[in-house]
Amino acid sequence: MNAELETADMMVVTIQVPAREAGELAVTVEGDVIRVAGPDGFRQQLSLPQGADAARMHAGLFHGILELRAPRADSPASMQPRTVPVADLA
């Protein structure tokens, strides 16, 4: 289950994942595509919300829910691939 929330200055995407620890997940952003990989072959791909700044994206894991937060971009996001570190929020 995925959910998106937008505020005036932030975009938040949540994804239910089969991981108990942040170290079990890999999150990458390339262009406007977010890729999430996890244990047992888990893979999910979704679109970066329009206007989100991928270079300043943060990720956190809390009880099987991965939360991706990105501020609104001041300028067009970089097209360079980026790995997003995932923090344990428990």
PDB file of N, CA and C in Angstrom:
ATOM      1  N   MET A   1       0.841  -1.166   0.000  1.00  0.00           N
ATOM      2  CA  MET A   1       0.000   0.000   0.000  1.00  0.00           C
ATOM      3  C   MET A   1       0.894   1.240   0.000  1.00  0.00           C
ATOM      4  N   ASN A   2       0.648   2.145  -0.922  1.00  0.00           N
ATOM      5  CA  ASN A   2       1.393   3.388  -1.023  1.00  0.00           C
ATOM      6  C   ASN A   2       0.466   4.548  -0.713  1.00  0.00           C
ATOM      7  N   ALA A   3       1.036   5.604  -0.173  1.00  0.00           N
ATOM      8  CA  ALA A   3       0.259   6.818   0.069  1.00  0.00           C
ATOM      9  C   ALA A   3       1.151   8.020  -0.199  1.00  0.00           C
ATOM     10  N   GLU A   4       0.557   9.084  -0.704  1.00  0.00           N
ATOM     11  CA  GLU A   4       1.279  10.331  -0.957  1.00  0.00           C
ATOM     12  C   GLU A   4       0.600  11.456  -0.209  1.00  0.00           C
ATOM     13  N   LEU A   5       1.424  12.377   0.312  1.00  0.00           N
ATOM     14  CA  LEU A   5       0.928  13.554   0.998  1.00  0.00           C
ATOM     15  C   LEU A   5       1.779  14.725   0.549  1.00  0.00           C
ATOM     16  N   GLU A   6       1.147  15.838   0.234  1.00  0.00           N
ATOM     17  CA  GLU A   6       1.877  17.035  -0.162  1.00  0.00           C
ATOM     18  C   GLU A   6       1.477  18.182   0.754  1.00  0.00           C
ATOM     19  N   THR A   7       2.486  18.932   1.206  1.00  0.00           N
ATOM     20  CA  THR A   7       2.242  20.165   1.944  1.00  0.00           C
ATOM     21  C   THR A   7       2.837  21.300   1.121  1.00  0.00           C
ATOM     22  N   ALA A   8       2.804  22.485   1.651  1.00  0.00           N
ATOM     23  CA  ALA A   8       3.320  23.643   0.917  1.00  0.00           C
ATOM     24  C   ALA A   8       4.812  23.523   0.610  1.00  0.00           C
ATOM     25  N   ASP A   9       5.555  22.828   1.480  1.00  0.00           N
ATOM     26  CA  ASP A   9       6.997  22.752   1.270  1.00  0.00           C
ATOM     27  C   ASP A   9       7.586  21.344   1.271  1.00  0.00           C
ATOM     28  N   MET A  10       6.746  20.305   1.404  1.00  0.00           N
ATOM     29  CA  MET A  10       7.251  18.936   1.521  1.00  0.00           C
ATOM     30  C   MET A  10       6.340  17.952   0.800  1.00  0.00           C
ATOM     31  N   MET A  11       6.942  16.898   0.259  1.00  0.00           N
ATOM     32  CA  MET A  11       6.198  15.795  -0.333  1.00  0.00           C
ATOM     33  C   MET A  11       6.602  14.527   0.403  1.00  0.00           C
ATOM     34  N   VAL A  12       5.608  13.721   0.783  1.00  0.00           N
ATOM     35  CA  VAL A  12       5.858  12.507   1.556  1.00  0.00           C
ATOM     36  C   VAL A  12       5.190  11.334   0.849  1.00  0.00           C
ATOM     37  N   VAL A  13       5.954  10.247   0.685  1.00  0.00           N
ATOM     38  CA  VAL A  13       5.435   9.002   0.116  1.00  0.00           C
ATOM     39  C   VAL A  13       5.699   7.911   1.138  1.00  0.00           C
ATOM     40  N   THR A  14       4.686   7.094   1.440  1.00  0.00           N
ATOM     41  CA  THR A  14       4.887   5.954   2.330  1.00  0.00           C
ATOM     42  C   THR A  14       4.614   4.664   1.574  1.00  0.00           C
ATOM     43  N   ILE A  15       5.410   3.638   1.906  1.00  0.00           N
ATOM     44  CA  ILE A  15       5.325   2.338   1.248  1.00  0.00           C
ATOM     45  C   ILE A  15       5.428   1.257   2.320  1.00  0.00           C
ATOM     46  N   GLN A  16       4.527   0.286   2.293  1.00  0.00           N
ATOM     47  CA  GLN A  16       4.632  -0.856   3.185  1.00  0.00           C
ATOM     48  C   GLN A  16       5.686  -1.802   2.618  1.00  0.00           C
ATOM     49  N   VAL A  17       6.670  -2.184   3.450  1.00  0.00           N
ATOM     50  CA  VAL A  17       7.778  -3.022   2.989  1.00  0.00           C
ATOM     51  C   VAL A  17       7.985  -4.198   3.938  1.00  0.00           C
ATOM     52  N   PRO A  18       8.555  -5.306   3.434  1.00  0.00           N
ATOM     53  CA  PRO A  18       8.789  -6.484   4.272  1.00  0.00           C
ATOM     54  C   PRO A  18      10.147  -6.417   4.969  1.00  0.00           C
ATOM     55  N   ALA A  19      10.474  -5.296   5.593  1.00  0.00           N
ATOM     56  CA  ALA A  19      11.776  -5.136   6.243  1.00  0.00           C
ATOM     57  C   ALA A  19      11.568  -4.747   7.697  1.00  0.00           C
ATOM     58  N   ARG A  20      12.470  -5.225   8.547  1.00  0.00           N
ATOM     59  CA  ARG A  20      12.412  -4.877   9.967  1.00  0.00           C
ATOM     60  C   ARG A  20      13.485  -3.864  10.334  1.00  0.00           C
ATOM     61  N   GLU A  21      14.532  -3.780   9.511  1.00  0.00           N
ATOM     62  CA  GLU A  21      15.633  -2.859   9.773  1.00  0.00           C
ATOM     63  C   GLU A  21      15.953  -2.077   8.514  1.00  0.00           C
ATOM     64  N   ALA A  22      16.367  -0.843   8.711  1.00  0.00           N
ATOM     65  CA  ALA A  22      16.675   0.034   7.578  1.00  0.00           C
ATOM     66  C   ALA A  22      17.757  -0.567   6.681  1.00  0.00           C
ATOM     67  N   GLY A  23      18.698  -1.275   7.264  1.00  0.00           N
ATOM     68  CA  GLY A  23      19.798  -1.858   6.502  1.00  0.00           C
ATOM     69  C   GLY A  23      19.360  -2.916   5.500  1.00  0.00           C
ATOM     70  N   GLU A  24      18.127  -3.385   5.610  1.00  0.00           N
ATOM     71  CA  GLU A  24      17.604  -4.382   4.682  1.00  0.00           C
ATOM     72  C   GLU A  24      17.070  -3.754   3.395  1.00  0.00           C
ATOM     73  N   LEU A  25      17.010  -2.431   3.346  1.00  0.00           N
ATOM     74  CA  LEU A  25      16.429  -1.743   2.192  1.00  0.00           C
ATOM     75  C   LEU A  25      17.471  -0.959   1.412  1.00  0.00           C
ATOM     76  N   ALA A  26      17.249  -0.872   0.120  1.00  0.00           N
ATOM     77  CA  ALA A  26      18.043  -0.012  -0.756  1.00  0.00           C
ATOM     78  C   ALA A  26      17.058   0.879  -1.506  1.00  0.00           C
ATOM     79  N   VAL A  27      17.269   2.193  -1.419  1.00  0.00           N
ATOM     80  CA  VAL A  27      16.412   3.153  -2.111  1.00  0.00           C
ATOM     81  C   VAL A  27      17.290   3.960  -3.052  1.00  0.00           C
ATOM     82  N   THR A  28      16.920   3.968  -4.330  1.00  0.00           N
ATOM     83  CA  THR A  28      17.655   4.770  -5.304  1.00  0.00           C
ATOM     84  C   THR A  28      16.673   5.649  -6.063  1.00  0.00           C
ATOM     85  N   VAL A  29      17.180   6.793  -6.509  1.00  0.00           N
ATOM     86  CA  VAL A  29      16.392   7.710  -7.315  1.00  0.00           C
ATOM     87  C   VAL A  29      17.190   8.009  -8.571  1.00  0.00           C
ATOM     88  N   GLU A  30      16.556   7.823  -9.715  1.00  0.00           N
ATOM     89  CA  GLU A  30      17.179   8.135 -11.000  1.00  0.00           C
ATOM     90  C   GLU A  30      16.139   8.857 -11.843  1.00  0.00           C
ATOM     91  N   GLY A  31      16.437  10.121 -12.155  1.00  0.00           N
ATOM     92  CA  GLY A  31      15.453  10.923 -12.873  1.00  0.00           C
ATOM     93  C   GLY A  31      14.221  11.088 -12.010  1.00  0.00           C
ATOM     94  N   ASP A  32      13.066  10.685 -12.516  1.00  0.00           N
ATOM     95  CA  ASP A  32      11.837  10.791 -11.734  1.00  0.00           C
ATOM     96  C   ASP A  32      11.339   9.432 -11.245  1.00  0.00           C
ATOM     97  N   VAL A  33      12.256   8.451 -11.149  1.00  0.00           N
ATOM     98  CA  VAL A  33      11.891   7.098 -10.721  1.00  0.00           C
ATOM     99  C   VAL A  33      12.558   6.774  -9.388  1.00  0.00           C
ATOM    100  N   ILE A  34      11.743   6.325  -8.421  1.00  0.00           N
ATOM    101  CA  ILE A  34      12.238   5.842  -7.130  1.00  0.00           C
ATOM    102  C   ILE A  34      12.172   4.325  -7.161  1.00  0.00           C
ATOM    103  N   ARG A  35      13.280   3.670  -6.826  1.00  0.00           N
ATOM    104  CA  ARG A  35      13.308   2.203  -6.760  1.00  0.00           C
ATOM    105  C   ARG A  35      13.624   1.782  -5.328  1.00  0.00           C
ATOM    106  N   VAL A  36      12.837   0.828  -4.835  1.00  0.00           N
ATOM    107  CA  VAL A  36      13.027   0.300  -3.494  1.00  0.00           C
ATOM    108  C   VAL A  36      13.258  -1.197  -3.620  1.00  0.00           C
ATOM    109  N   ALA A  37      14.317  -1.689  -2.988  1.00  0.00           N
ATOM    110  CA  ALA A  37      14.618  -3.126  -2.986  1.00  0.00           C
ATOM    111  C   ALA A  37      14.785  -3.561  -1.536  1.00  0.00           C
ATOM    112  N   GLY A  38      14.310  -4.785  -1.254  1.00  0.00           N
ATOM    113  CA  GLY A  38      14.383  -5.277   0.112  1.00  0.00           C
ATOM    114  C   GLY A  38      14.548  -6.781   0.162  1.00  0.00           C
ATOM    115  N   PRO A  39      14.330  -7.355   1.344  1.00  0.00           N
ATOM    116  CA  PRO A  39      14.519  -8.787   1.534  1.00  0.00           C
ATOM    117  C   PRO A  39      13.542  -9.630   0.710  1.00  0.00           C
ATOM    118  N   ASP A  40      13.945 -10.864   0.493  1.00  0.00           N
ATOM    119  CA  ASP A  40      13.110 -11.851  -0.223  1.00  0.00           C
ATOM    120  C   ASP A  40      12.710 -11.405  -1.616  1.00  0.00           C
ATOM    121  N   GLY A  41      13.603 -10.664  -2.271  1.00  0.00           N
ATOM    122  CA  GLY A  41      13.345 -10.251  -3.648  1.00  0.00           C
ATOM    123  C   GLY A  41      12.344  -9.112  -3.789  1.00  0.00           C
ATOM    124  N   PHE A  42      12.011  -8.437  -2.685  1.00  0.00           N
ATOM    125  CA  PHE A  42      11.056  -7.324  -2.757  1.00  0.00           C
ATOM    126  C   PHE A  42      11.614  -6.215  -3.644  1.00  0.00           C
ATOM    127  N   ARG A  43      10.805  -5.773  -4.578  1.00  0.00           N
ATOM    128  CA  ARG A  43      11.157  -4.674  -5.483  1.00  0.00           C
ATOM    129  C   ARG A  43       9.910  -3.833  -5.716  1.00  0.00           C
ATOM    130  N   GLN A  44      10.069  -2.527  -5.659  1.00  0.00           N
ATOM    131  CA  GLN A  44       8.966  -1.649  -5.999  1.00  0.00           C
ATOM    132  C   GLN A  44       9.537  -0.406  -6.675  1.00  0.00           C
ATOM    133  N   GLN A  45       8.810   0.057  -7.657  1.00  0.00           N
ATOM    134  CA  GLN A  45       9.220   1.236  -8.416  1.00  0.00           C
ATOM    135  C   GLN A  45       8.041   2.202  -8.437  1.00  0.00           C
ATOM    136  N   LEU A  46       8.307   3.473  -8.190  1.00  0.00           N
ATOM    137  CA  LEU A  46       7.255   4.473  -8.247  1.00  0.00           C
ATOM    138  C   LEU A  46       7.816   5.787  -8.757  1.00  0.00           C
ATOM    139  N   SER A  47       6.929   6.677  -9.130  1.00  0.00           N
ATOM    140  CA  SER A  47       7.344   7.964  -9.682  1.00  0.00           C
ATOM    141  C   SER A  47       7.608   8.957  -8.563  1.00  0.00           C
ATOM    142  N   LEU A  48       8.668   9.715  -8.725  1.00  0.00           N
ATOM    143  CA  LEU A  48       8.959  10.817  -7.819  1.00  0.00           C
ATOM    144  C   LEU A  48       7.881  11.875  -8.030  1.00  0.00           C
ATOM    145  N   PRO A  49       7.248  12.341  -6.966  1.00  0.00           N
ATOM    146  CA  PRO A  49       6.215  13.363  -7.155  1.00  0.00           C
ATOM    147  C   PRO A  49       6.780  14.580  -7.893  1.00  0.00           C
ATOM    148  N   GLN A  50       6.000  15.120  -8.801  1.00  0.00           N
ATOM    149  CA  GLN A  50       6.438  16.262  -9.588  1.00  0.00           C
ATOM    150  C   GLN A  50       6.749  17.434  -8.661  1.00  0.00           C
ATOM    151  N   GLY A  51       7.905  18.052  -8.866  1.00  0.00           N
ATOM    152  CA  GLY A  51       8.310  19.193  -8.064  1.00  0.00           C
ATOM    153  C   GLY A  51       9.112  18.831  -6.836  1.00  0.00           C
ATOM    154  N   ALA A  52       9.343  17.524  -6.593  1.00  0.00           N
ATOM    155  CA  ALA A  52      10.128  17.095  -5.429  1.00  0.00           C
ATOM    156  C   ALA A  52      11.619  17.222  -5.725  1.00  0.00           C
ATOM    157  N   ASP A  53      12.394  17.564  -4.696  1.00  0.00           N
ATOM    158  CA  ASP A  53      13.842  17.700  -4.822  1.00  0.00           C
ATOM    159  C   ASP A  53      14.503  16.387  -4.402  1.00  0.00           C
ATOM    160  N   ALA A  54      14.823  15.549  -5.365  1.00  0.00           N
ATOM    161  CA  ALA A  54      15.403  14.227  -5.084  1.00  0.00           C
ATOM    162  C   ALA A  54      16.753  14.334  -4.390  1.00  0.00           C
ATOM    163  N   ALA A  55      17.491  15.390  -4.649  1.00  0.00           N
ATOM    164  CA  ALA A  55      18.813  15.551  -4.041  1.00  0.00           C
ATOM    165  C   ALA A  55      18.735  15.743  -2.530  1.00  0.00           C
ATOM    166  N   ARG A  56      17.596  16.173  -2.025  1.00  0.00           N
ATOM    167  CA  ARG A  56      17.430  16.392  -0.585  1.00  0.00           C
ATOM    168  C   ARG A  56      16.429  15.420   0.043  1.00  0.00           C
ATOM    169  N   MET A  57      16.178  14.292  -0.632  1.00  0.00           N
ATOM    170  CA  MET A  57      15.243  13.292  -0.127  1.00  0.00           C
ATOM    171  C   MET A  57      15.843  12.550   1.067  1.00  0.00           C
ATOM    172  N   HIS A  58      14.987  12.250   2.049  1.00  0.00           N
ATOM    173  CA  HIS A  58      15.361  11.461   3.213  1.00  0.00           C
ATOM    174  C   HIS A  58      14.396  10.292   3.328  1.00  0.00           C
ATOM    175  N   ALA A  59      14.877   9.186   3.892  1.00  0.00           N
ATOM    176  CA  ALA A  59      14.033   8.003   4.053  1.00  0.00           C
ATOM    177  C   ALA A  59      14.156   7.473   5.472  1.00  0.00           C
ATOM    178  N   GLY A  60      13.043   6.961   5.987  1.00  0.00           N
ATOM    179  CA  GLY A  60      13.044   6.357   7.308  1.00  0.00           C
ATOM    180  C   GLY A  60      12.111   5.156   7.336  1.00  0.00           C
ATOM    181  N   LEU A  61      12.419   4.199   8.191  1.00  0.00           N
ATOM    182  CA  LEU A  61      11.623   2.977   8.312  1.00  0.00           C
ATOM    183  C   LEU A  61      11.078   2.892   9.729  1.00  0.00           C
ATOM    184  N   PHE A  62       9.774   2.680   9.859  1.00  0.00           N
ATOM    185  CA  PHE A  62       9.139   2.554  11.165  1.00  0.00           C
ATOM    186  C   PHE A  62       8.074   1.467  11.090  1.00  0.00           C
ATOM    187  N   HIS A  63       8.307   0.350  11.760  1.00  0.00           N
ATOM    188  CA  HIS A  63       7.351  -0.759  11.830  1.00  0.00           C
ATOM    189  C   HIS A  63       6.855  -1.197  10.447  1.00  0.00           C
ATOM    190  N   GLY A  64       7.780  -1.401   9.500  1.00  0.00           N
ATOM    191  CA  GLY A  64       7.417  -1.918   8.190  1.00  0.00           C
ATOM    192  C   GLY A  64       6.874  -0.886   7.217  1.00  0.00           C
ATOM    193  N   ILE A  65       6.900   0.385   7.596  1.00  0.00           N
ATOM    194  CA  ILE A  65       6.466   1.452   6.702  1.00  0.00           C
ATOM    195  C   ILE A  65       7.679   2.309   6.358  1.00  0.00           C
ATOM    196  N   LEU A  66       8.004   2.367   5.082  1.00  0.00           N
ATOM    197  CA  LEU A  66       9.095   3.205   4.596  1.00  0.00           C
ATOM    198  C   LEU A  66       8.505   4.566   4.259  1.00  0.00           C
ATOM    199  N   GLU A  67       9.074   5.606   4.831  1.00  0.00           N
ATOM    200  CA  GLU A  67       8.613   6.963   4.554  1.00  0.00           C
ATOM    201  C   GLU A  67       9.706   7.713   3.810  1.00  0.00           C
ATOM    202  N   LEU A  68       9.361   8.227   2.648  1.00  0.00           N
ATOM    203  CA  LEU A  68      10.275   9.021   1.832  1.00  0.00           C
ATOM    204  C   LEU A  68       9.805  10.467   1.890  1.00  0.00           C
ATOM    205  N   ARG A  69      10.691  11.380   2.292  1.00  0.00           N
ATOM    206  CA  ARG A  69      10.347  12.802   2.390  1.00  0.00           C
ATOM    207  C   ARG A  69      11.260  13.597   1.479  1.00  0.00           C
ATOM    208  N   ALA A  70      10.670  14.463   0.679  1.00  0.00           N
ATOM    209  CA  ALA A  70      11.445  15.317  -0.215  1.00  0.00           C
ATOM    210  C   ALA A  70      10.855  16.720  -0.193  1.00  0.00           C
ATOM    211  N   PRO A  71      11.709  17.720   0.045  1.00  0.00           N
ATOM    212  CA  PRO A  71      11.203  19.086  -0.027  1.00  0.00           C
ATOM    213  C   PRO A  71      10.886  19.448  -1.473  1.00  0.00           C
ATOM    214  N   ARG A  72      10.075  20.458  -1.642  1.00  0.00           N
ATOM    215  CA  ARG A  72       9.804  20.936  -2.999  1.00  0.00           C
ATOM    216  C   ARG A  72      11.084  21.509  -3.568  1.00  0.00           C
ATOM    217  N   ALA A  73      11.282  21.298  -4.860  1.00  0.00           N
ATOM    218  CA  ALA A  73      12.503  21.749  -5.529  1.00  0.00           C
ATOM    219  C   ALA A  73      12.456  23.245  -5.801  1.00  0.00           C
ATOM    220  N   ASP A  74      13.598  23.898  -5.555  1.00  0.00           N
ATOM    221  CA  ASP A  74      13.746  25.301  -5.915  1.00  0.00           C
ATOM    222  C   ASP A  74      14.077  25.428  -7.389  1.00  0.00           C
ATOM    223  N   SER A  75      14.699  24.352  -7.918  1.00  0.00           N
ATOM    224  CA  SER A  75      15.081  24.301  -9.326  1.00  0.00           C
ATOM    225  C   SER A  75      14.906  22.864  -9.789  1.00  0.00           C
ATOM    226  N   PRO A  76      14.964  22.596 -11.097  1.00  0.00           N
ATOM    227  CA  PRO A  76      14.783  21.212 -11.576  1.00  0.00           C
ATOM    228  C   PRO A  76      15.760  20.249 -10.897  1.00  0.00           C
ATOM    229  N   ALA A  77      15.241  19.083 -10.497  1.00  0.00           N
ATOM    230  CA  ALA A  77      16.062  18.076  -9.818  1.00  0.00           C
ATOM    231  C   ALA A  77      17.143  17.535 -10.741  1.00  0.00           C
ATOM    232  N   SER A  78      18.238  17.170 -10.125  1.00  0.00           N
ATOM    233  CA  SER A  78      19.341  16.578 -10.874  1.00  0.00           C
ATOM    234  C   SER A  78      18.912  15.243 -11.475  1.00  0.00           C
ATOM    235  N   MET A  79      19.420  14.937 -12.641  1.00  0.00           N
ATOM    236  CA  MET A  79      19.087  13.684 -13.299  1.00  0.00           C
ATOM    237  C   MET A  79      20.113  12.597 -12.957  1.00  0.00           C
ATOM    238  N   GLN A  80      21.084  12.912 -12.090  1.00  0.00           N
ATOM    239  CA  GLN A  80      22.088  11.932 -11.709  1.00  0.00           C
ATOM    240  C   GLN A  80      21.478  10.907 -10.756  1.00  0.00           C
ATOM    241  N   PRO A  81      21.784   9.608 -10.948  1.00  0.00           N
ATOM    242  CA  PRO A  81      21.282   8.592 -10.015  1.00  0.00           C
ATOM    243  C   PRO A  81      21.774   8.883  -8.605  1.00  0.00           C
ATOM    244  N   ARG A  82      20.955   8.565  -7.616  1.00  0.00           N
ATOM    245  CA  ARG A  82      21.300   8.836  -6.224  1.00  0.00           C
ATOM    246  C   ARG A  82      20.786   7.712  -5.352  1.00  0.00           C
ATOM    247  N   THR A  83      21.598   7.308  -4.368  1.00  0.00           N
ATOM    248  CA  THR A  83      21.169   6.349  -3.359  1.00  0.00           C
ATOM    249  C   THR A  83      20.725   7.126  -2.140  1.00  0.00           C
ATOM    250  N   VAL A  84      19.572   6.766  -1.598  1.00  0.00           N
ATOM    251  CA  VAL A  84      19.014   7.458  -0.447  1.00  0.00           C
ATOM    252  C   VAL A  84      19.205   6.581   0.782  1.00  0.00           C
ATOM    253  N   PRO A  85      19.963   7.025   1.805  1.00  0.00           N
ATOM    254  CA  PRO A  85      20.118   6.224   3.001  1.00  0.00           C
ATOM    255  C   PRO A  85      18.796   6.113   3.750  1.00  0.00           C
ATOM    256  N   VAL A  86      18.552   4.946   4.376  1.00  0.00           N
ATOM    257  CA  VAL A  86      17.320   4.711   5.125  1.00  0.00           C
ATOM    258  C   VAL A  86      17.693   4.626   6.604  1.00  0.00           C
ATOM    259  N   ALA A  87      16.999   5.408   7.444  1.00  0.00           N
ATOM    260  CA  ALA A  87      17.248   5.407   8.881  1.00  0.00           C
ATOM    261  C   ALA A  87      16.174   4.607   9.601  1.00  0.00           C
ATOM    262  N   ASP A  88      16.568   3.920  10.673  1.00  0.00           N
ATOM    263  CA  ASP A  88      15.587   3.260  11.549  1.00  0.00           C
ATOM    264  C   ASP A  88      14.939   4.338  12.406  1.00  0.00           C
ATOM    265  N   LEU A  89      13.617   4.402  12.426  1.00  0.00           N
ATOM    266  CA  LEU A  89      12.914   5.409  13.191  1.00  0.00           C
ATOM    267  C   LEU A  89      12.303   4.862  14.473  1.00  0.00           C
ATOM    268  N   ALA A  90      12.539   3.594  14.738  1.00  0.00           N
ATOM    269  CA  ALA A  90      11.963   2.973  15.946  1.00  0.00           C
ATOM    270  C   ALA A  90      12.731   3.381  17.170  1.00  0.00           C
TER     271      ALA A  90
END
